[in-house]
């Protein structure tokens, strides 16, 4: 089979790899669509992120969906020919965090396409993937395989909503309108947000934010004063989903959050300084959010039931042979929202 393998920064290759053997409780899947994530781009552009670095060749990818081609013994809820979205999250279900129901913090996590441990956890950008049957969630008839492959990033934002608490009737600010910020808008709408305002520094992504459900968008590079008007009377928003990882987005968000509101940090960045006195005086709760677990099944259900429409976020599909061109396109925010590979 062919696989997309990162060797070092800007050294991405399509290589031949052996197909793994299906064991009991597993299935073999012909991968058909795979979305390029921000972490994949970090590996491609920089060879890693933070202290994490690629130290051996690693198959990338974790946003995938495809068709079941073979079943291991003991698999009864799936059949050959079923289309499935595959959760890349493989916790051990035995460590202290898993036993507390916090599988996203598993001490022995095997998340596809991760260079954190050594040897690296190989990813899912390959033509054939052998996965545990419990990772696979059936895709409904009429739902495209491309939509199904977006279940993983959508699950990330559903976990962020879970961290934020009830959104029914709440006013929500989303800062950063890349793929995760856009999906946060959709997730907030699906959970009953009364109003969603989105900010970014690029008009192209803000236009997409309006298309998928934002009530108002603000280009904070050109018109920062439009956001500052929300700071009157101690603030306006009940919840902020911060998806840019930018310090200015955090600080400006704190200014327009009302007392006893919540800031959920989705975007990854470096160390930032925050106006601590404002956090104290307005009793703002700041929460991190990391990956997901049970939310993956919910993501697939919402897609299957047509409760959400993720199709507008797909801006390009490239054959596996053009993986380098796909990664270059995915890194261009002026043109791309979500780019996928076809296998």
C-alpha atoms as a PDB file:
ATOM      1  CA  UNK A   1       0.000   0.000   0.000  1.00  0.00           C
ATOM      2  CA  UNK A   2       0.957   3.650  -0.331  1.00  0.00           C
ATOM      3  CA  UNK A   3       1.422   5.844   2.741  1.00  0.00           C
ATOM      4  CA  UNK A   4       2.251   9.515   3.352  1.00  0.00           C
ATOM      5  CA  UNK A   5       5.446   9.609   5.425  1.00  0.00           C
ATOM      6  CA  UNK A   6       7.224  12.562   7.037  1.00  0.00           C
ATOM      7  CA  UNK A   7      11.016  12.267   7.416  1.00  0.00           C
ATOM      8  CA  UNK A   8      11.874  15.832   8.431  1.00  0.00           C
ATOM      9  CA  UNK A   9      10.650  19.382   7.855  1.00  0.00           C
ATOM     10  CA  UNK A  10       9.624  19.752   4.186  1.00  0.00           C
ATOM     11  CA  UNK A  11      10.610  16.134   3.550  1.00  0.00           C
ATOM     12  CA  UNK A  12       7.284  14.425   2.864  1.00  0.00           C
ATOM     13  CA  UNK A  13       7.250  11.235   0.796  1.00  0.00           C
ATOM     14  CA  UNK A  14       4.692   8.810  -0.590  1.00  0.00           C
ATOM     15  CA  UNK A  15       6.147   5.383   0.173  1.00  0.00           C
ATOM     16  CA  UNK A  16       5.222   1.723  -0.116  1.00  0.00           C
ATOM     17  CA  UNK A  17       4.422   0.034   3.198  1.00  0.00           C
ATOM     18  CA  UNK A  18       3.224  -3.447   4.128  1.00  0.00           C
ATOM     19  CA  UNK A  19      -0.434  -3.883   5.075  1.00  0.00           C
ATOM     20  CA  UNK A  20      -0.839  -5.050   8.666  1.00  0.00           C
ATOM     21  CA  UNK A  21      -2.562  -8.339   9.536  1.00  0.00           C
ATOM     22  CA  UNK A  22      -6.091  -8.229  10.919  1.00  0.00           C
ATOM     23  CA  UNK A  23      -6.330  -9.777  14.403  1.00  0.00           C
ATOM     24  CA  UNK A  24      -9.301 -10.622  16.622  1.00  0.00           C
ATOM     25  CA  UNK A  25     -11.525  -7.618  17.292  1.00  0.00           C
ATOM     26  CA  UNK A  26     -10.009  -5.619  14.444  1.00  0.00           C
ATOM     27  CA  UNK A  27     -11.051  -4.534  10.952  1.00  0.00           C
ATOM     28  CA  UNK A  28      -9.169  -3.662   7.788  1.00  0.00           C
ATOM     29  CA  UNK A  29     -10.307  -0.397   6.219  1.00  0.00           C
ATOM     30  CA  UNK A  30      -9.657   0.987   2.754  1.00  0.00           C
ATOM     31  CA  UNK A  31      -9.025   4.622   3.634  1.00  0.00           C
ATOM     32  CA  UNK A  32     -10.728   6.937   1.145  1.00  0.00           C
ATOM     33  CA  UNK A  33     -10.472  10.427   2.665  1.00  0.00           C
ATOM     34  CA  UNK A  34      -8.063  12.021   5.118  1.00  0.00           C
ATOM     35  CA  UNK A  35      -8.047  15.618   6.341  1.00  0.00           C
ATOM     36  CA  UNK A  36      -4.808  17.541   6.840  1.00  0.00           C
ATOM     37  CA  UNK A  37      -4.737  18.904  10.401  1.00  0.00           C
ATOM     38  CA  UNK A  38      -2.768  21.730  11.976  1.00  0.00           C
ATOM     39  CA  UNK A  39      -0.486  19.228  13.711  1.00  0.00           C
ATOM     40  CA  UNK A  40       0.219  17.524  10.363  1.00  0.00           C
ATOM     41  CA  UNK A  41       1.211  20.938   9.008  1.00  0.00           C
ATOM     42  CA  UNK A  42       3.535  21.527  11.975  1.00  0.00           C
ATOM     43  CA  UNK A  43       5.311  18.252  11.230  1.00  0.00           C
ATOM     44  CA  UNK A  44       5.519  19.146   7.532  1.00  0.00           C
ATOM     45  CA  UNK A  45       6.676  22.756   7.932  1.00  0.00           C
ATOM     46  CA  UNK A  46       8.798  22.533  11.080  1.00  0.00           C
ATOM     47  CA  UNK A  47       9.471  18.864  11.772  1.00  0.00           C
ATOM     48  CA  UNK A  48       7.338  19.040  14.917  1.00  0.00           C
ATOM     49  CA  UNK A  49       5.952  21.493  17.449  1.00  0.00           C
ATOM     50  CA  UNK A  50       7.174  22.631  20.852  1.00  0.00           C
ATOM     51  CA  UNK A  51       9.609  20.017  22.129  1.00  0.00           C
ATOM     52  CA  UNK A  52       8.087  17.278  19.954  1.00  0.00           C
ATOM     53  CA  UNK A  53      10.244  16.415  16.947  1.00  0.00           C
ATOM     54  CA  UNK A  54      10.178  13.750  14.252  1.00  0.00           C
ATOM     55  CA  UNK A  55      13.024  11.380  15.071  1.00  0.00           C
ATOM     56  CA  UNK A  56      12.166   8.578  12.676  1.00  0.00           C
ATOM     57  CA  UNK A  57       9.991   8.268   9.542  1.00  0.00           C
ATOM     58  CA  UNK A  58       6.323   8.526  10.534  1.00  0.00           C
ATOM     59  CA  UNK A  59       3.066   8.113   8.641  1.00  0.00           C
ATOM     60  CA  UNK A  60       1.011  11.262   9.190  1.00  0.00           C
ATOM     61  CA  UNK A  61      -2.735  11.717   9.525  1.00  0.00           C
ATOM     62  CA  UNK A  62      -5.596  11.110  11.943  1.00  0.00           C
ATOM     63  CA  UNK A  63      -8.754  12.560  10.299  1.00  0.00           C
ATOM     64  CA  UNK A  64      -9.827   9.582   8.198  1.00  0.00           C
ATOM     65  CA  UNK A  65     -12.781   7.597   6.896  1.00  0.00           C
ATOM     66  CA  UNK A  66     -13.143   4.661   4.532  1.00  0.00           C
ATOM     67  CA  UNK A  67     -14.778   1.298   3.774  1.00  0.00           C
ATOM     68  CA  UNK A  68     -14.416  -1.948   5.737  1.00  0.00           C
ATOM     69  CA  UNK A  69     -12.673  -4.614   3.634  1.00  0.00           C
ATOM     70  CA  UNK A  70     -12.040  -7.406   6.150  1.00  0.00           C
ATOM     71  CA  UNK A  71     -13.132  -8.409   9.658  1.00  0.00           C
ATOM     72  CA  UNK A  72     -11.193 -10.083  12.441  1.00  0.00           C
ATOM     73  CA  UNK A  73     -12.833 -12.753  14.557  1.00  0.00           C
ATOM     74  CA  UNK A  74     -15.336 -11.545  17.131  1.00  0.00           C
ATOM     75  CA  UNK A  75     -16.448  -8.441  15.215  1.00  0.00           C
ATOM     76  CA  UNK A  76     -20.231  -8.480  14.973  1.00  0.00           C
ATOM     77  CA  UNK A  77     -21.418  -4.871  14.691  1.00  0.00           C
ATOM     78  CA  UNK A  78     -19.654  -4.180  11.395  1.00  0.00           C
ATOM     79  CA  UNK A  79     -19.775  -5.847   7.983  1.00  0.00           C
ATOM     80  CA  UNK A  80     -17.566  -5.803   4.911  1.00  0.00           C
ATOM     81  CA  UNK A  81     -18.708  -2.850   2.809  1.00  0.00           C
ATOM     82  CA  UNK A  82     -19.671  -0.628   5.742  1.00  0.00           C
ATOM     83  CA  UNK A  83     -18.381   2.921   5.461  1.00  0.00           C
ATOM     84  CA  UNK A  84     -16.844   4.130   8.716  1.00  0.00           C
ATOM     85  CA  UNK A  85     -15.260   7.163  10.340  1.00  0.00           C
ATOM     86  CA  UNK A  86     -12.256   6.076  12.383  1.00  0.00           C
ATOM     87  CA  UNK A  87     -11.459   7.607  15.751  1.00  0.00           C
ATOM     88  CA  UNK A  88      -7.677   8.090  16.029  1.00  0.00           C
ATOM     89  CA  UNK A  89      -7.893   8.008  19.829  1.00  0.00           C
ATOM     90  CA  UNK A  90      -6.670   4.683  21.241  1.00  0.00           C
ATOM     91  CA  UNK A  91      -6.412   4.940  25.037  1.00  0.00           C
ATOM     92  CA  UNK A  92      -5.203   1.998  27.097  1.00  0.00           C
ATOM     93  CA  UNK A  93      -8.379   1.900  29.264  1.00  0.00           C
ATOM     94  CA  UNK A  94      -6.254   0.689  32.158  1.00  0.00           C
ATOM     95  CA  UNK A  95      -4.345   3.705  33.557  1.00  0.00           C
ATOM     96  CA  UNK A  96      -5.657   5.928  36.349  1.00  0.00           C
ATOM     97  CA  UNK A  97      -7.055   8.558  33.960  1.00  0.00           C
ATOM     98  CA  UNK A  98      -8.833   6.046  31.737  1.00  0.00           C
ATOM     99  CA  UNK A  99     -10.399   4.419  34.794  1.00  0.00           C
ATOM    100  CA  UNK A 100     -11.707   7.859  35.822  1.00  0.00           C
ATOM    101  CA  UNK A 101     -13.340   8.321  32.421  1.00  0.00           C
ATOM    102  CA  UNK A 102     -10.691  10.804  31.271  1.00  0.00           C
ATOM    103  CA  UNK A 103      -9.375   8.792  28.342  1.00  0.00           C
ATOM    104  CA  UNK A 104      -8.139  11.889  26.518  1.00  0.00           C
ATOM    105  CA  UNK A 105      -5.474  12.103  29.247  1.00  0.00           C
ATOM    106  CA  UNK A 106      -4.450   8.437  28.952  1.00  0.00           C
ATOM    107  CA  UNK A 107      -0.886   7.829  30.112  1.00  0.00           C
ATOM    108  CA  UNK A 108      -0.381   5.268  27.346  1.00  0.00           C
ATOM    109  CA  UNK A 109      -2.301   6.940  24.512  1.00  0.00           C
ATOM    110  CA  UNK A 110      -1.654   5.693  20.974  1.00  0.00           C
ATOM    111  CA  UNK A 111      -2.986   8.607  18.926  1.00  0.00           C
ATOM    112  CA  UNK A 112      -2.415   8.240  15.190  1.00  0.00           C
ATOM    113  CA  UNK A 113       0.441  10.253  13.752  1.00  0.00           C
ATOM    114  CA  UNK A 114       2.151  11.324  16.973  1.00  0.00           C
ATOM    115  CA  UNK A 115       5.900  11.815  17.424  1.00  0.00           C
ATOM    116  CA  UNK A 116       5.559  12.287  21.190  1.00  0.00           C
ATOM    117  CA  UNK A 117       6.614   8.731  22.119  1.00  0.00           C
ATOM    118  CA  UNK A 118       9.499   6.754  20.698  1.00  0.00           C
ATOM    119  CA  UNK A 119       8.954   4.731  18.611  1.00  0.00           C
ATOM    120  CA  UNK A 120       6.441   7.113  17.049  1.00  0.00           C
ATOM    121  CA  UNK A 121       2.770   6.234  16.694  1.00  0.00           C
ATOM    122  CA  UNK A 122       2.246   5.714  12.973  1.00  0.00           C
ATOM    123  CA  UNK A 123      -0.642   7.628  11.443  1.00  0.00           C
ATOM    124  CA  UNK A 124      -3.590   6.833   9.185  1.00  0.00           C
ATOM    125  CA  UNK A 125      -2.652   8.470   5.852  1.00  0.00           C
ATOM    126  CA  UNK A 126      -2.384   5.073   4.174  1.00  0.00           C
ATOM    127  CA  UNK A 127      -4.432   3.079   1.699  1.00  0.00           C
ATOM    128  CA  UNK A 128      -5.140   0.270   4.162  1.00  0.00           C
ATOM    129  CA  UNK A 129      -5.558   0.733   7.914  1.00  0.00           C
ATOM    130  CA  UNK A 130      -6.063  -2.014  10.485  1.00  0.00           C
ATOM    131  CA  UNK A 131      -7.973  -0.572  13.439  1.00  0.00           C
ATOM    132  CA  UNK A 132      -9.807  -1.814  16.492  1.00  0.00           C
ATOM    133  CA  UNK A 133     -13.482  -2.380  15.708  1.00  0.00           C
ATOM    134  CA  UNK A 134     -14.504  -0.043  18.546  1.00  0.00           C
ATOM    135  CA  UNK A 135     -12.711   2.844  16.810  1.00  0.00           C
ATOM    136  CA  UNK A 136     -15.054   2.579  13.829  1.00  0.00           C
ATOM    137  CA  UNK A 137     -18.374   4.419  13.590  1.00  0.00           C
ATOM    138  CA  UNK A 138     -20.766   3.688  10.737  1.00  0.00           C
ATOM    139  CA  UNK A 139     -21.442   6.433   8.227  1.00  0.00           C
ATOM    140  CA  UNK A 140     -25.047   6.856   7.105  1.00  0.00           C
ATOM    141  CA  UNK A 141     -26.179   6.469   3.503  1.00  0.00           C
ATOM    142  CA  UNK A 142     -26.109   9.803   1.722  1.00  0.00           C
ATOM    143  CA  UNK A 143     -23.268  11.189   3.852  1.00  0.00           C
ATOM    144  CA  UNK A 144     -20.103  11.676   1.807  1.00  0.00           C
ATOM    145  CA  UNK A 145     -16.869  10.073   2.914  1.00  0.00           C
ATOM    146  CA  UNK A 146     -15.351  13.571   2.960  1.00  0.00           C
ATOM    147  CA  UNK A 147     -17.884  14.738   5.545  1.00  0.00           C
ATOM    148  CA  UNK A 148     -17.234  11.610   7.594  1.00  0.00           C
ATOM    149  CA  UNK A 149     -13.505  12.362   7.672  1.00  0.00           C
ATOM    150  CA  UNK A 150     -14.293  15.677   9.391  1.00  0.00           C
ATOM    151  CA  UNK A 151     -15.747  13.893  12.433  1.00  0.00           C
ATOM    152  CA  UNK A 152     -12.376  14.047  14.199  1.00  0.00           C
ATOM    153  CA  UNK A 153     -11.846  17.838  14.192  1.00  0.00           C
ATOM    154  CA  UNK A 154     -15.560  18.294  14.892  1.00  0.00           C
ATOM    155  CA  UNK A 155     -15.153  16.052  17.955  1.00  0.00           C
ATOM    156  CA  UNK A 156     -12.381  18.377  19.163  1.00  0.00           C
ATOM    157  CA  UNK A 157     -14.829  21.288  19.216  1.00  0.00           C
ATOM    158  CA  UNK A 158     -17.594  19.190  20.788  1.00  0.00           C
ATOM    159  CA  UNK A 159     -15.198  18.433  23.643  1.00  0.00           C
ATOM    160  CA  UNK A 160     -14.520  22.180  23.927  1.00  0.00           C
ATOM    161  CA  UNK A 161     -18.276  22.757  24.215  1.00  0.00           C
ATOM    162  CA  UNK A 162     -18.365  20.073  26.892  1.00  0.00           C
ATOM    163  CA  UNK A 163     -15.676  21.969  28.786  1.00  0.00           C
ATOM    164  CA  UNK A 164     -17.555  25.277  28.409  1.00  0.00           C
ATOM    165  CA  UNK A 165     -20.765  23.948  29.918  1.00  0.00           C
ATOM    166  CA  UNK A 166     -24.339  24.589  28.721  1.00  0.00           C
ATOM    167  CA  UNK A 167     -24.540  27.028  25.804  1.00  0.00           C
ATOM    168  CA  UNK A 168     -28.330  27.309  25.590  1.00  0.00           C
ATOM    169  CA  UNK A 169     -29.132  31.007  25.267  1.00  0.00           C
ATOM    170  CA  UNK A 170     -25.493  32.057  25.650  1.00  0.00           C
ATOM    171  CA  UNK A 171     -23.642  34.712  23.657  1.00  0.00           C
ATOM    172  CA  UNK A 172     -20.474  33.198  22.211  1.00  0.00           C
ATOM    173  CA  UNK A 173     -17.275  34.761  20.874  1.00  0.00           C
ATOM    174  CA  UNK A 174     -15.028  32.661  18.612  1.00  0.00           C
ATOM    175  CA  UNK A 175     -11.544  34.090  18.042  1.00  0.00           C
ATOM    176  CA  UNK A 176      -9.703  32.529  15.113  1.00  0.00           C
ATOM    177  CA  UNK A 177     -11.694  31.129  12.187  1.00  0.00           C
ATOM    178  CA  UNK A 178      -9.479  28.395  10.840  1.00  0.00           C
ATOM    179  CA  UNK A 179     -10.938  24.870  10.627  1.00  0.00           C
ATOM    180  CA  UNK A 180     -11.235  24.451  14.402  1.00  0.00           C
ATOM    181  CA  UNK A 181     -12.698  27.919  14.960  1.00  0.00           C
ATOM    182  CA  UNK A 182     -15.191  27.340  12.155  1.00  0.00           C
ATOM    183  CA  UNK A 183     -16.200  23.991  13.626  1.00  0.00           C
ATOM    184  CA  UNK A 184     -16.544  25.670  17.036  1.00  0.00           C
ATOM    185  CA  UNK A 185     -19.127  27.998  15.471  1.00  0.00           C
ATOM    186  CA  UNK A 186     -21.068  24.999  14.166  1.00  0.00           C
ATOM    187  CA  UNK A 187     -20.790  23.176  17.515  1.00  0.00           C
ATOM    188  CA  UNK A 188     -21.971  26.237  19.453  1.00  0.00           C
ATOM    189  CA  UNK A 189     -24.962  26.633  17.156  1.00  0.00           C
ATOM    190  CA  UNK A 190     -25.846  22.953  17.539  1.00  0.00           C
ATOM    191  CA  UNK A 191     -25.826  23.385  21.323  1.00  0.00           C
ATOM    192  CA  UNK A 192     -28.216  26.320  21.451  1.00  0.00           C
ATOM    193  CA  UNK A 193     -26.015  29.427  21.449  1.00  0.00           C
ATOM    194  CA  UNK A 194     -28.165  32.556  21.123  1.00  0.00           C
ATOM    195  CA  UNK A 195     -25.550  34.608  19.287  1.00  0.00           C
ATOM    196  CA  UNK A 196     -22.144  33.862  17.779  1.00  0.00           C
ATOM    197  CA  UNK A 197     -19.614  36.554  16.881  1.00  0.00           C
ATOM    198  CA  UNK A 198     -16.378  35.484  15.170  1.00  0.00           C
ATOM    199  CA  UNK A 199     -13.078  37.313  14.723  1.00  0.00           C
ATOM    200  CA  UNK A 200     -10.008  36.790  12.581  1.00  0.00           C
ATOM    201  CA  UNK A 201      -7.482  38.853  10.644  1.00  0.00           C
ATOM    202  CA  UNK A 202      -8.474  37.545   7.184  1.00  0.00           C
ATOM    203  CA  UNK A 203     -11.653  38.382   5.309  1.00  0.00           C
ATOM    204  CA  UNK A 204     -11.668  35.097   3.383  1.00  0.00           C
ATOM    205  CA  UNK A 205     -12.134  32.913   6.471  1.00  0.00           C
ATOM    206  CA  UNK A 206     -14.553  35.410   8.011  1.00  0.00           C
ATOM    207  CA  UNK A 207     -16.761  35.056   4.953  1.00  0.00           C
ATOM    208  CA  UNK A 208     -16.807  31.305   5.544  1.00  0.00           C
ATOM    209  CA  UNK A 209     -17.707  31.917   9.200  1.00  0.00           C
ATOM    210  CA  UNK A 210     -20.797  33.845   8.122  1.00  0.00           C
ATOM    211  CA  UNK A 211     -21.737  31.074   5.702  1.00  0.00           C
ATOM    212  CA  UNK A 212     -21.696  28.382   8.413  1.00  0.00           C
ATOM    213  CA  UNK A 213     -23.645  30.264  11.076  1.00  0.00           C
ATOM    214  CA  UNK A 214     -21.886  33.223  12.691  1.00  0.00           C
ATOM    215  CA  UNK A 215     -24.204  36.190  13.290  1.00  0.00           C
ATOM    216  CA  UNK A 216     -21.441  38.725  12.869  1.00  0.00           C
ATOM    217  CA  UNK A 217     -17.766  38.697  11.927  1.00  0.00           C
ATOM    218  CA  UNK A 218     -15.061  41.226  12.746  1.00  0.00           C
ATOM    219  CA  UNK A 219     -11.680  41.651  11.076  1.00  0.00           C
ATOM    220  CA  UNK A 220      -9.659  42.648  14.148  1.00  0.00           C
ATOM    221  CA  UNK A 221      -6.651  43.608  12.020  1.00  0.00           C
ATOM    222  CA  UNK A 222      -8.615  46.273  10.166  1.00  0.00           C
ATOM    223  CA  UNK A 223     -11.336  47.175  12.669  1.00  0.00           C
ATOM    224  CA  UNK A 224     -10.320  46.287  16.241  1.00  0.00           C
ATOM    225  CA  UNK A 225     -12.633  48.963  17.619  1.00  0.00           C
ATOM    226  CA  UNK A 226     -15.644  46.923  16.483  1.00  0.00           C
ATOM    227  CA  UNK A 227     -14.801  44.247  19.029  1.00  0.00           C
ATOM    228  CA  UNK A 228     -13.953  46.718  21.810  1.00  0.00           C
ATOM    229  CA  UNK A 229     -17.514  48.095  21.753  1.00  0.00           C
ATOM    230  CA  UNK A 230     -18.576  44.836  23.434  1.00  0.00           C
ATOM    231  CA  UNK A 231     -16.545  45.753  26.553  1.00  0.00           C
ATOM    232  CA  UNK A 232     -19.209  48.228  27.784  1.00  0.00           C
ATOM    233  CA  UNK A 233     -20.822  47.425  31.145  1.00  0.00           C
ATOM    234  CA  UNK A 234     -18.097  44.910  32.064  1.00  0.00           C
ATOM    235  CA  UNK A 235     -18.522  42.846  28.904  1.00  0.00           C
ATOM    236  CA  UNK A 236     -21.040  41.094  26.725  1.00  0.00           C
ATOM    237  CA  UNK A 237     -20.106  37.473  25.949  1.00  0.00           C
ATOM    238  CA  UNK A 238     -20.789  34.462  28.148  1.00  0.00           C
ATOM    239  CA  UNK A 239     -18.266  32.134  26.502  1.00  0.00           C
ATOM    240  CA  UNK A 240     -15.170  32.581  24.361  1.00  0.00           C
ATOM    241  CA  UNK A 241     -13.716  29.781  22.248  1.00  0.00           C
ATOM    242  CA  UNK A 242     -10.169  30.948  21.582  1.00  0.00           C
ATOM    243  CA  UNK A 243      -8.948  29.061  18.489  1.00  0.00           C
ATOM    244  CA  UNK A 244      -6.055  31.220  17.301  1.00  0.00           C
ATOM    245  CA  UNK A 245      -3.424  30.657  19.985  1.00  0.00           C
ATOM    246  CA  UNK A 246      -2.682  34.379  19.777  1.00  0.00           C
ATOM    247  CA  UNK A 247      -2.032  36.410  22.936  1.00  0.00           C
ATOM    248  CA  UNK A 248      -3.890  39.457  21.615  1.00  0.00           C
ATOM    249  CA  UNK A 249      -6.963  37.319  20.971  1.00  0.00           C
ATOM    250  CA  UNK A 250      -6.875  36.103  24.575  1.00  0.00           C
ATOM    251  CA  UNK A 251      -6.478  39.594  26.005  1.00  0.00           C
ATOM    252  CA  UNK A 252      -9.125  41.205  23.791  1.00  0.00           C
ATOM    253  CA  UNK A 253     -11.478  38.354  24.612  1.00  0.00           C
ATOM    254  CA  UNK A 254     -11.064  38.873  28.350  1.00  0.00           C
ATOM    255  CA  UNK A 255     -12.007  42.504  27.879  1.00  0.00           C
ATOM    256  CA  UNK A 256     -15.354  41.666  26.268  1.00  0.00           C
ATOM    257  CA  UNK A 257     -16.284  38.665  28.431  1.00  0.00           C
ATOM    258  CA  UNK A 258     -18.856  39.474  31.076  1.00  0.00           C
ATOM    259  CA  UNK A 259     -18.392  38.655  34.795  1.00  0.00           C
ATOM    260  CA  UNK A 260     -18.440  34.926  35.629  1.00  0.00           C
ATOM    261  CA  UNK A 261     -17.998  33.976  32.005  1.00  0.00           C
ATOM    262  CA  UNK A 262     -15.778  31.221  30.572  1.00  0.00           C
ATOM    263  CA  UNK A 263     -12.806  31.275  28.209  1.00  0.00           C
ATOM    264  CA  UNK A 264     -12.029  27.906  26.584  1.00  0.00           C
ATOM    265  CA  UNK A 265      -8.571  27.742  25.020  1.00  0.00           C
ATOM    266  CA  UNK A 266      -8.494  25.636  21.847  1.00  0.00           C
ATOM    267  CA  UNK A 267      -5.641  27.216  19.900  1.00  0.00           C
ATOM    268  CA  UNK A 268      -2.072  26.192  20.609  1.00  0.00           C
ATOM    269  CA  UNK A 269       0.611  28.855  20.921  1.00  0.00           C
ATOM    270  CA  UNK A 270       3.595  29.788  23.033  1.00  0.00           C
ATOM    271  CA  UNK A 271       3.677  31.286  26.502  1.00  0.00           C
ATOM    272  CA  UNK A 272       1.377  34.293  26.869  1.00  0.00           C
ATOM    273  CA  UNK A 273       0.827  36.945  29.495  1.00  0.00           C
ATOM    274  CA  UNK A 274      -2.696  37.687  30.660  1.00  0.00           C
ATOM    275  CA  UNK A 275      -4.265  40.608  32.562  1.00  0.00           C
ATOM    276  CA  UNK A 276      -4.577  38.704  35.821  1.00  0.00           C
ATOM    277  CA  UNK A 277      -6.410  41.508  37.613  1.00  0.00           C
ATOM    278  CA  UNK A 278      -9.161  41.401  34.999  1.00  0.00           C
ATOM    279  CA  UNK A 279      -9.551  37.637  35.382  1.00  0.00           C
ATOM    280  CA  UNK A 280      -9.875  38.083  39.148  1.00  0.00           C
ATOM    281  CA  UNK A 281     -12.142  41.131  39.093  1.00  0.00           C
ATOM    282  CA  UNK A 282     -14.564  39.614  36.570  1.00  0.00           C
ATOM    283  CA  UNK A 283     -14.315  36.100  38.073  1.00  0.00           C
ATOM    284  CA  UNK A 284     -13.577  34.630  34.658  1.00  0.00           C
ATOM    285  CA  UNK A 285     -12.995  30.893  34.366  1.00  0.00           C
ATOM    286  CA  UNK A 286     -10.176  29.941  31.999  1.00  0.00           C
ATOM    287  CA  UNK A 287     -10.264  26.335  30.792  1.00  0.00           C
ATOM    288  CA  UNK A 288      -8.079  24.247  28.560  1.00  0.00           C
ATOM    289  CA  UNK A 289      -9.468  21.617  26.229  1.00  0.00           C
ATOM    290  CA  UNK A 290      -7.496  18.659  24.875  1.00  0.00           C
ATOM    291  CA  UNK A 291      -8.573  16.214  22.185  1.00  0.00           C
ATOM    292  CA  UNK A 292     -11.776  14.227  22.903  1.00  0.00           C
ATOM    293  CA  UNK A 293     -13.033  10.711  23.548  1.00  0.00           C
ATOM    294  CA  UNK A 294     -16.757   9.987  23.740  1.00  0.00           C
ATOM    295  CA  UNK A 295     -17.457  13.079  21.634  1.00  0.00           C
ATOM    296  CA  UNK A 296     -16.274  11.276  18.485  1.00  0.00           C
ATOM    297  CA  UNK A 297     -19.397   9.133  18.410  1.00  0.00           C
ATOM    298  CA  UNK A 298     -21.548  12.219  18.926  1.00  0.00           C
ATOM    299  CA  UNK A 299     -19.770  13.955  16.048  1.00  0.00           C
ATOM    300  CA  UNK A 300     -20.566  11.076  13.693  1.00  0.00           C
ATOM    301  CA  UNK A 301     -24.195  10.948  14.888  1.00  0.00           C
ATOM    302  CA  UNK A 302     -24.701  14.685  14.302  1.00  0.00           C
ATOM    303  CA  UNK A 303     -23.214  14.369  10.811  1.00  0.00           C
ATOM    304  CA  UNK A 304     -25.274  11.251  10.039  1.00  0.00           C
ATOM    305  CA  UNK A 305     -28.513  12.887  11.204  1.00  0.00           C
ATOM    306  CA  UNK A 306     -27.832  16.031   9.161  1.00  0.00           C
ATOM    307  CA  UNK A 307     -27.960  18.101  12.324  1.00  0.00           C
ATOM    308  CA  UNK A 308     -24.836  19.901  11.105  1.00  0.00           C
ATOM    309  CA  UNK A 309     -23.466  20.704   7.653  1.00  0.00           C
ATOM    310  CA  UNK A 310     -19.686  20.501   7.396  1.00  0.00           C
ATOM    311  CA  UNK A 311     -19.526  20.428   3.588  1.00  0.00           C
ATOM    312  CA  UNK A 312     -18.785  24.163   3.190  1.00  0.00           C
ATOM    313  CA  UNK A 313     -15.482  23.707   5.031  1.00  0.00           C
ATOM    314  CA  UNK A 314     -13.976  21.360   2.428  1.00  0.00           C
ATOM    315  CA  UNK A 315     -11.950  23.512   0.048  1.00  0.00           C
ATOM    316  CA  UNK A 316      -9.813  20.967  -1.772  1.00  0.00           C
ATOM    317  CA  UNK A 317      -9.212  17.251  -2.376  1.00  0.00           C
ATOM    318  CA  UNK A 318      -5.931  15.918  -3.743  1.00  0.00           C
ATOM    319  CA  UNK A 319      -4.859  12.398  -4.747  1.00  0.00           C
ATOM    320  CA  UNK A 320      -2.311  10.759  -2.478  1.00  0.00           C
ATOM    321  CA  UNK A 321       0.333  11.133  -5.193  1.00  0.00           C
ATOM    322  CA  UNK A 322       0.003  14.929  -4.827  1.00  0.00           C
ATOM    323  CA  UNK A 323       0.479  14.915  -1.052  1.00  0.00           C
ATOM    324  CA  UNK A 324       3.137  17.628  -1.072  1.00  0.00           C
ATOM    325  CA  UNK A 325       0.936  19.918  -3.161  1.00  0.00           C
ATOM    326  CA  UNK A 326      -1.959  19.199  -0.803  1.00  0.00           C
ATOM    327  CA  UNK A 327       0.101  20.148   2.254  1.00  0.00           C
ATOM    328  CA  UNK A 328       1.257  23.355   0.600  1.00  0.00           C
ATOM    329  CA  UNK A 329      -2.349  24.226  -0.226  1.00  0.00           C
ATOM    330  CA  UNK A 330      -3.530  23.395   3.296  1.00  0.00           C
ATOM    331  CA  UNK A 331      -0.987  25.819   4.721  1.00  0.00           C
ATOM    332  CA  UNK A 332      -2.285  28.724   2.639  1.00  0.00           C
ATOM    333  CA  UNK A 333      -5.013  30.331   4.747  1.00  0.00           C
ATOM    334  CA  UNK A 334      -5.889  32.748   1.964  1.00  0.00           C
ATOM    335  CA  UNK A 335      -7.234  29.871  -0.132  1.00  0.00           C
ATOM    336  CA  UNK A 336      -7.897  26.846   2.075  1.00  0.00           C
ATOM    337  CA  UNK A 337     -10.050  25.888   5.031  1.00  0.00           C
ATOM    338  CA  UNK A 338      -9.963  22.063   5.112  1.00  0.00           C
ATOM    339  CA  UNK A 339      -7.882  20.149   2.563  1.00  0.00           C
ATOM    340  CA  UNK A 340      -8.198  16.383   2.253  1.00  0.00           C
ATOM    341  CA  UNK A 341      -6.294  13.589   0.584  1.00  0.00           C
ATOM    342  CA  UNK A 342      -8.015  10.920  -1.535  1.00  0.00           C
ATOM    343  CA  UNK A 343      -6.526   7.461  -1.197  1.00  0.00           C
END
